[in-house]
Amino acid sequence: MLSLGFCEGERKVGGDSMNALVVYYSRFGNTRRVAEAIADSMESRGAVRVMSTDELTPSDLKGSNLVVMGSPTHRMRLPEAVQSLLKALPKETLRGKSFAAFDTSYRLSALLASFTAARKLARALRRVGGRQVVPGETFLVVEREGPLYDGEIERAMAWAESVWRETSES
């Protein structure tokens, strides 16, 4: 399990230390597992904190250059708890910050794939001033309550590498 503090070996980006915050909402533990894998992948490159949406306050976002947020897709929507958190964020909360969004979901048809939580998260994070660095990503669960399909944790770690790379190059 990851600590909630910053780790050693911060990466410099544009003269500032790279500090990532991975935030997740998880009902059955699948999104939490993906968030922790993302944080584990990023931890070797810089300072990373991971926390649930229940713990998050706007001040937690202040010291971060990169915010990665994840949520399950519930009935093609964001869970109510996540919607409430996003609505409560002040308008320019992520101004000057990069972000990436992910979700967990079961396989959706191509027609329904545009209704993922990652897309809705990205839209909401852009509204509060964030700059999206990579397209949102969906990590698949076998059934409504999971577990994650084999290989999804490794895919999450690889996605985290691309997020970090795009953030450090911009």
C-alpha atoms as a PDB file:
ATOM      1  CA  MET A   1       0.000   0.000   0.000  1.00  0.00           C
ATOM      2  CA  LEU A   2       1.271   3.476  -0.813  1.00  0.00           C
ATOM      3  CA  SER A   3       1.866   6.152   1.755  1.00  0.00           C
ATOM      4  CA  LEU A   4      -0.044   9.383   1.372  1.00  0.00           C
ATOM      5  CA  GLY A   5       3.102  11.494   1.674  1.00  0.00           C
ATOM      6  CA  PHE A   6       5.499  12.653  -1.000  1.00  0.00           C
ATOM      7  CA  CYS A   7       8.300  10.334  -2.000  1.00  0.00           C
ATOM      8  CA  GLU A   8      11.933  11.144  -2.628  1.00  0.00           C
ATOM      9  CA  GLY A   9      13.346  11.826  -6.071  1.00  0.00           C
ATOM     10  CA  GLU A  10      11.088  14.614  -7.337  1.00  0.00           C
ATOM     11  CA  ARG A  11      11.338  15.307 -11.056  1.00  0.00           C
ATOM     12  CA  LYS A  12      11.844  18.860 -12.274  1.00  0.00           C
ATOM     13  CA  VAL A  13       9.486  20.177 -14.951  1.00  0.00           C
ATOM     14  CA  GLY A  14       9.872  23.732 -16.147  1.00  0.00           C
ATOM     15  CA  GLY A  15      11.877  24.600 -13.045  1.00  0.00           C
ATOM     16  CA  ASP A  16       9.204  23.250 -10.696  1.00  0.00           C
ATOM     17  CA  SER A  17       9.156  19.934  -8.886  1.00  0.00           C
ATOM     18  CA  MET A  18       6.798  17.435 -10.472  1.00  0.00           C
ATOM     19  CA  ASN A  19       4.193  16.484  -7.905  1.00  0.00           C
ATOM     20  CA  ALA A  20       1.407  14.113  -8.908  1.00  0.00           C
ATOM     21  CA  LEU A  21      -1.868  13.556  -7.095  1.00  0.00           C
ATOM     22  CA  VAL A  22      -3.856  10.422  -7.924  1.00  0.00           C
ATOM     23  CA  VAL A  23      -7.469  10.702  -6.777  1.00  0.00           C
ATOM     24  CA  TYR A  24     -10.025   7.934  -7.006  1.00  0.00           C
ATOM     25  CA  TYR A  25     -13.560   6.954  -6.042  1.00  0.00           C
ATOM     26  CA  SER A  26     -14.075   3.232  -5.611  1.00  0.00           C
ATOM     27  CA  ARG A  27     -17.108   1.295  -4.490  1.00  0.00           C
ATOM     28  CA  PHE A  28     -15.866  -2.277  -4.944  1.00  0.00           C
ATOM     29  CA  GLY A  29     -12.088  -1.671  -4.819  1.00  0.00           C
ATOM     30  CA  ASN A  30     -11.311  -2.005  -8.543  1.00  0.00           C
ATOM     31  CA  THR A  31     -10.775   1.706  -9.203  1.00  0.00           C
ATOM     32  CA  ARG A  32      -8.668   1.942  -6.031  1.00  0.00           C
ATOM     33  CA  ARG A  33      -6.457  -0.897  -7.309  1.00  0.00           C
ATOM     34  CA  VAL A  34      -5.970   0.880 -10.641  1.00  0.00           C
ATOM     35  CA  ALA A  35      -5.211   4.195  -8.873  1.00  0.00           C
ATOM     36  CA  GLU A  36      -2.609   2.519  -6.678  1.00  0.00           C
ATOM     37  CA  ALA A  37      -0.995   0.879  -9.728  1.00  0.00           C
ATOM     38  CA  ILE A  38      -0.850   4.254 -11.475  1.00  0.00           C
ATOM     39  CA  ALA A  39       0.733   5.826  -8.407  1.00  0.00           C
ATOM     40  CA  ASP A  40       3.191   2.923  -8.059  1.00  0.00           C
ATOM     41  CA  SER A  41       4.256   3.420 -11.672  1.00  0.00           C
ATOM     42  CA  MET A  42       4.770   7.162 -11.193  1.00  0.00           C
ATOM     43  CA  GLU A  43       6.449   6.888  -7.803  1.00  0.00           C
ATOM     44  CA  SER A  44       9.856   6.036  -9.289  1.00  0.00           C
ATOM     45  CA  ARG A  45       9.798   9.302 -11.271  1.00  0.00           C
ATOM     46  CA  GLY A  46       8.709  11.848  -8.695  1.00  0.00           C
ATOM     47  CA  ALA A  47       6.513  12.795  -5.800  1.00  0.00           C
ATOM     48  CA  VAL A  48       3.138  11.074  -5.786  1.00  0.00           C
ATOM     49  CA  ARG A  49       0.210  11.194  -3.389  1.00  0.00           C
ATOM     50  CA  VAL A  50      -2.835   8.962  -3.691  1.00  0.00           C
ATOM     51  CA  MET A  51      -6.156   9.556  -1.959  1.00  0.00           C
ATOM     52  CA  SER A  52      -9.824   8.795  -2.255  1.00  0.00           C
ATOM     53  CA  THR A  53     -12.358  11.435  -3.228  1.00  0.00           C
ATOM     54  CA  ASP A  54     -13.684  11.187   0.350  1.00  0.00           C
ATOM     55  CA  GLU A  55     -10.404  12.659   1.606  1.00  0.00           C
ATOM     56  CA  LEU A  56      -9.871  15.285  -1.108  1.00  0.00           C
ATOM     57  CA  THR A  57     -10.155  19.005  -0.446  1.00  0.00           C
ATOM     58  CA  PRO A  58      -9.380  21.826  -2.906  1.00  0.00           C
ATOM     59  CA  SER A  59      -6.223  22.610  -0.923  1.00  0.00           C
ATOM     60  CA  ASP A  60      -4.887  19.096  -1.690  1.00  0.00           C
ATOM     61  CA  LEU A  61      -4.729  20.127  -5.346  1.00  0.00           C
ATOM     62  CA  LYS A  62      -2.589  23.238  -4.752  1.00  0.00           C
ATOM     63  CA  GLY A  63       0.816  21.553  -4.565  1.00  0.00           C
ATOM     64  CA  SER A  64       0.273  19.270  -7.543  1.00  0.00           C
ATOM     65  CA  ASN A  65       1.415  19.818 -11.131  1.00  0.00           C
ATOM     66  CA  LEU A  66      -0.422  16.711 -12.301  1.00  0.00           C
ATOM     67  CA  VAL A  67      -3.795  15.384 -11.171  1.00  0.00           C
ATOM     68  CA  VAL A  68      -4.889  11.908 -12.219  1.00  0.00           C
ATOM     69  CA  MET A  69      -8.513  11.198 -11.350  1.00  0.00           C
ATOM     70  CA  GLY A  70     -10.436   7.960 -11.651  1.00  0.00           C
ATOM     71  CA  SER A  71     -13.935   6.725 -11.058  1.00  0.00           C
ATOM     72  CA  PRO A  72     -16.062   3.752 -11.981  1.00  0.00           C
ATOM     73  CA  THR A  73     -18.693   4.233 -14.638  1.00  0.00           C
ATOM     74  CA  HIS A  74     -22.086   3.733 -12.970  1.00  0.00           C
ATOM     75  CA  ARG A  75     -24.981   3.386 -15.392  1.00  0.00           C
ATOM     76  CA  MET A  76     -23.028   5.369 -18.017  1.00  0.00           C
ATOM     77  CA  ARG A  77     -22.532   8.226 -15.525  1.00  0.00           C
ATOM     78  CA  LEU A  78     -20.238   9.422 -12.801  1.00  0.00           C
ATOM     79  CA  PRO A  79     -21.246   8.266  -9.324  1.00  0.00           C
ATOM     80  CA  GLU A  80     -23.181  10.927  -7.395  1.00  0.00           C
ATOM     81  CA  ALA A  81     -20.337  11.341  -4.879  1.00  0.00           C
ATOM     82  CA  VAL A  82     -17.925  12.237  -7.692  1.00  0.00           C
ATOM     83  CA  GLN A  83     -20.405  14.586  -9.342  1.00  0.00           C
ATOM     84  CA  SER A  84     -20.868  16.416  -6.033  1.00  0.00           C
ATOM     85  CA  LEU A  85     -17.114  16.752  -5.502  1.00  0.00           C
ATOM     86  CA  LEU A  86     -16.576  18.131  -9.004  1.00  0.00           C
ATOM     87  CA  LYS A  87     -19.420  20.633  -8.687  1.00  0.00           C
ATOM     88  CA  ALA A  88     -17.913  21.896  -5.421  1.00  0.00           C
ATOM     89  CA  LEU A  89     -14.476  22.636  -6.915  1.00  0.00           C
ATOM     90  CA  PRO A  90     -13.851  26.362  -7.400  1.00  0.00           C
ATOM     91  CA  LYS A  91     -13.721  27.521 -11.054  1.00  0.00           C
ATOM     92  CA  GLU A  92      -9.923  27.849 -11.484  1.00  0.00           C
ATOM     93  CA  THR A  93      -8.861  25.020  -9.165  1.00  0.00           C
ATOM     94  CA  LEU A  94      -6.703  23.327 -11.827  1.00  0.00           C
ATOM     95  CA  ARG A  95      -5.482  26.422 -13.648  1.00  0.00           C
ATOM     96  CA  GLY A  96      -1.936  25.751 -14.841  1.00  0.00           C
ATOM     97  CA  LYS A  97      -2.152  22.052 -13.934  1.00  0.00           C
ATOM     98  CA  SER A  98      -2.120  19.002 -16.133  1.00  0.00           C
ATOM     99  CA  PHE A  99      -4.584  16.185 -15.656  1.00  0.00           C
ATOM    100  CA  ALA A 100      -5.504  12.727 -16.879  1.00  0.00           C
ATOM    101  CA  ALA A 101      -8.727  10.816 -16.258  1.00  0.00           C
ATOM    102  CA  PHE A 102      -9.510   7.106 -16.102  1.00  0.00           C
ATOM    103  CA  ASP A 103     -12.405   4.875 -15.239  1.00  0.00           C
ATOM    104  CA  THR A 104     -13.256   1.282 -14.550  1.00  0.00           C
ATOM    105  CA  SER A 105     -16.130  -0.330 -16.387  1.00  0.00           C
ATOM    106  CA  TYR A 106     -17.287  -3.549 -17.917  1.00  0.00           C
ATOM    107  CA  ARG A 107     -17.032  -3.871 -21.687  1.00  0.00           C
ATOM    108  CA  LEU A 108     -19.332  -1.443 -23.486  1.00  0.00           C
ATOM    109  CA  SER A 109     -20.465  -1.535 -27.082  1.00  0.00           C
ATOM    110  CA  ALA A 110     -18.883   0.996 -29.430  1.00  0.00           C
ATOM    111  CA  LEU A 111     -22.139   2.963 -29.283  1.00  0.00           C
ATOM    112  CA  LEU A 112     -22.001   3.272 -25.489  1.00  0.00           C
ATOM    113  CA  ALA A 113     -18.226   3.750 -25.192  1.00  0.00           C
ATOM    114  CA  SER A 114     -18.617   7.536 -25.282  1.00  0.00           C
ATOM    115  CA  PHE A 115     -20.534   7.418 -21.999  1.00  0.00           C
ATOM    116  CA  THR A 116     -17.578   6.501 -19.809  1.00  0.00           C
ATOM    117  CA  ALA A 117     -16.743   8.165 -16.535  1.00  0.00           C
ATOM    118  CA  ALA A 118     -13.282   9.127 -17.889  1.00  0.00           C
ATOM    119  CA  ARG A 119     -14.847  11.368 -20.533  1.00  0.00           C
ATOM    120  CA  LYS A 120     -17.151  12.982 -17.987  1.00  0.00           C
ATOM    121  CA  LEU A 121     -14.257  13.477 -15.545  1.00  0.00           C
ATOM    122  CA  ALA A 122     -12.146  15.077 -18.272  1.00  0.00           C
ATOM    123  CA  ARG A 123     -14.932  17.485 -19.199  1.00  0.00           C
ATOM    124  CA  ALA A 124     -15.391  18.491 -15.560  1.00  0.00           C
ATOM    125  CA  LEU A 125     -11.639  18.905 -14.952  1.00  0.00           C
ATOM    126  CA  ARG A 126     -11.307  21.118 -18.051  1.00  0.00           C
ATOM    127  CA  ARG A 127     -14.126  23.285 -16.668  1.00  0.00           C
ATOM    128  CA  VAL A 128     -12.036  23.989 -13.568  1.00  0.00           C
ATOM    129  CA  GLY A 129      -9.033  25.025 -15.644  1.00  0.00           C
ATOM    130  CA  GLY A 130      -7.091  21.788 -16.116  1.00  0.00           C
ATOM    131  CA  ARG A 131      -5.171  20.819 -19.251  1.00  0.00           C
ATOM    132  CA  GLN A 132      -5.699  17.226 -20.373  1.00  0.00           C
ATOM    133  CA  VAL A 133      -2.411  15.543 -21.348  1.00  0.00           C
ATOM    134  CA  VAL A 134      -3.668  12.194 -22.699  1.00  0.00           C
ATOM    135  CA  PRO A 135      -7.058  10.809 -23.688  1.00  0.00           C
ATOM    136  CA  GLY A 136      -9.039   9.198 -20.881  1.00  0.00           C
ATOM    137  CA  GLU A 137      -8.638   5.469 -20.408  1.00  0.00           C
ATOM    138  CA  THR A 138     -11.020   2.694 -19.369  1.00  0.00           C
ATOM    139  CA  PHE A 139      -9.793  -0.298 -17.370  1.00  0.00           C
ATOM    140  CA  LEU A 140     -12.084  -3.277 -17.619  1.00  0.00           C
ATOM    141  CA  VAL A 141     -13.786  -5.306 -14.917  1.00  0.00           C
ATOM    142  CA  VAL A 142     -15.234  -8.762 -15.504  1.00  0.00           C
ATOM    143  CA  GLU A 143     -18.589  -8.064 -13.870  1.00  0.00           C
ATOM    144  CA  ARG A 144     -20.310  -5.167 -12.115  1.00  0.00           C
ATOM    145  CA  GLU A 145     -18.303  -5.685  -8.922  1.00  0.00           C
ATOM    146  CA  GLY A 146     -15.155  -6.926 -10.603  1.00  0.00           C
ATOM    147  CA  PRO A 147     -12.576  -8.245 -10.481  1.00  0.00           C
ATOM    148  CA  LEU A 148     -10.407  -6.478 -13.023  1.00  0.00           C
ATOM    149  CA  TYR A 149      -9.559  -8.501 -16.107  1.00  0.00           C
ATOM    150  CA  ASP A 150      -6.092 -10.045 -16.125  1.00  0.00           C
ATOM    151  CA  GLY A 151      -3.527  -7.572 -17.413  1.00  0.00           C
ATOM    152  CA  GLU A 152      -5.457  -4.421 -16.485  1.00  0.00           C
ATOM    153  CA  ILE A 153      -3.082  -3.481 -13.648  1.00  0.00           C
ATOM    154  CA  GLU A 154      -0.114  -3.749 -16.014  1.00  0.00           C
ATOM    155  CA  ARG A 155      -2.017  -1.723 -18.621  1.00  0.00           C
ATOM    156  CA  ALA A 156      -2.715   0.938 -15.967  1.00  0.00           C
ATOM    157  CA  MET A 157       0.979   1.142 -15.131  1.00  0.00           C
ATOM    158  CA  ALA A 158       1.882   1.532 -18.817  1.00  0.00           C
ATOM    159  CA  TRP A 159      -0.793   4.228 -19.212  1.00  0.00           C
ATOM    160  CA  ALA A 160       0.665   6.029 -16.183  1.00  0.00           C
ATOM    161  CA  GLU A 161       4.058   6.080 -17.905  1.00  0.00           C
ATOM    162  CA  SER A 162       2.501   7.788 -20.939  1.00  0.00           C
ATOM    163  CA  VAL A 163       0.757  10.311 -18.683  1.00  0.00           C
ATOM    164  CA  TRP A 164       4.029  11.118 -16.936  1.00  0.00           C
ATOM    165  CA  ARG A 165       5.916  11.358 -20.234  1.00  0.00           C
ATOM    166  CA  GLU A 166       3.339  13.710 -21.821  1.00  0.00           C
ATOM    167  CA  THR A 167       3.286  15.867 -18.700  1.00  0.00           C
ATOM    168  CA  SER A 168       7.066  16.174 -18.509  1.00  0.00           C
ATOM    169  CA  GLU A 169       7.341  17.028 -22.224  1.00  0.00           C
ATOM    170  CA  SER A 170       4.736  19.780 -22.107  1.00  0.00           C
END
